[in-house]
Amino acid sequence: MELKMLNEREKQLLDFVFKYQKTKFYTPSFDEMAENIGCCQATITKTVKKLERRGLVSRIDGSYKSLRIIKTPEEIYNDQE
């Protein structure tokens, strides 16, 4: 998947979750995601679902608060080269 296929919000969310997990070793809450991206929690829910459909994240045990990054931002960038 090319990064250009992701909209700006999807890019921001994927980058934020990846960096957050890398430094804190757990997934941010949807409230934290919404605050960081500058949108409401409903928008985060929709965006996470879109990223799931694209195969970039998955929910662990179906939980909204536990996301697994399947394809990191770096991997997406490298796919473009």
Protein backbone atom coordinates (compact mmCIF):
# COMPACT_ATOMS: atom_id res chain seq x y z
CA MET A 1 0.00 0.00 0.00
CA GLU A 2 1.31 3.40 -0.88
CA LEU A 3 1.29 6.11 1.75
CA LYS A 4 -0.38 8.48 -0.68
CA MET A 5 -3.45 6.24 -0.48
CA LEU A 6 -3.83 7.26 3.16
CA ASN A 7 -5.50 10.55 3.96
CA GLU A 8 -3.80 13.02 6.28
CA ARG A 9 -5.76 11.95 9.37
CA GLU A 10 -4.91 8.27 8.75
CA LYS A 11 -1.22 9.15 8.41
CA GLN A 12 -1.29 11.26 11.58
CA LEU A 13 -3.05 8.56 13.58
CA LEU A 14 -0.79 5.75 12.41
CA ASP A 15 2.33 7.82 13.17
CA PHE A 16 1.00 8.86 16.58
CA VAL A 17 0.03 5.34 17.67
CA PHE A 18 3.32 3.89 16.42
CA LYS A 19 5.46 6.47 18.24
CA TYR A 20 3.33 6.26 21.40
CA GLN A 21 3.62 2.47 21.52
CA LYS A 22 7.34 2.62 20.81
CA THR A 23 8.00 4.91 23.78
CA LYS A 24 5.33 3.81 26.29
CA PHE A 25 4.90 0.16 25.28
CA TYR A 26 1.10 0.32 25.23
CA THR A 27 -1.62 1.80 23.05
CA PRO A 28 -2.96 5.30 23.70
CA SER A 29 -6.63 5.63 24.59
CA PHE A 30 -9.02 6.86 21.92
CA ASP A 31 -9.31 10.10 23.94
CA GLU A 32 -5.54 10.58 23.74
CA MET A 33 -5.60 9.83 20.02
CA ALA A 34 -8.43 12.31 19.46
CA GLU A 35 -6.68 15.02 21.48
CA ASN A 36 -3.40 14.54 19.61
CA ILE A 37 -4.99 14.48 16.15
CA GLY A 38 -7.44 17.27 16.96
CA CYS A 39 -10.72 15.49 16.32
CA CYS A 40 -13.49 13.70 18.21
CA GLN A 41 -13.47 10.13 19.46
CA ALA A 42 -16.03 9.07 16.83
CA THR A 43 -13.61 10.17 14.11
CA ILE A 44 -10.85 8.10 15.72
CA THR A 45 -13.14 5.06 15.73
CA LYS A 46 -13.87 5.51 12.01
CA THR A 47 -10.21 6.09 11.19
CA VAL A 48 -9.09 2.99 13.12
CA LYS A 49 -11.67 0.94 11.23
CA LYS A 50 -10.32 2.27 7.92
CA LEU A 51 -6.76 1.40 8.93
CA GLU A 52 -7.96 -2.08 9.90
CA ARG A 53 -9.59 -2.59 6.51
CA ARG A 54 -6.35 -1.52 4.84
CA GLY A 55 -4.43 -4.09 6.87
CA LEU A 56 -2.27 -1.57 8.73
CA VAL A 57 -3.58 -2.17 12.27
CA SER A 58 -5.60 -4.79 14.06
CA ARG A 59 -7.42 -4.78 17.35
CA ILE A 60 -6.10 -7.19 19.92
CA ASP A 61 -8.96 -9.40 21.08
CA GLY A 62 -11.40 -7.00 19.42
CA SER A 63 -10.62 -4.28 21.96
CA TYR A 64 -10.75 -0.67 20.82
CA LYS A 65 -7.94 0.28 23.19
CA SER A 66 -5.46 -2.40 22.16
CA LEU A 67 -4.15 -1.89 18.66
CA ARG A 68 -1.39 -3.82 16.97
CA ILE A 69 0.54 -2.04 14.25
CA ILE A 70 0.79 -4.47 11.34
CA LYS A 71 2.67 -2.22 8.96
CA THR A 72 4.79 0.54 10.46
CA PRO A 73 5.04 4.00 8.93
CA GLU A 74 8.64 3.18 7.93
CA GLU A 75 7.50 0.08 6.05
CA ILE A 76 4.89 2.10 4.20
CA TYR A 77 7.47 4.75 3.28
CA ASN A 78 9.89 2.05 2.07
CA ASP A 79 7.17 0.50 -0.12
CA GLN A 80 7.06 3.74 -2.10
CA GLU A 81 10.70 3.54 -3.14
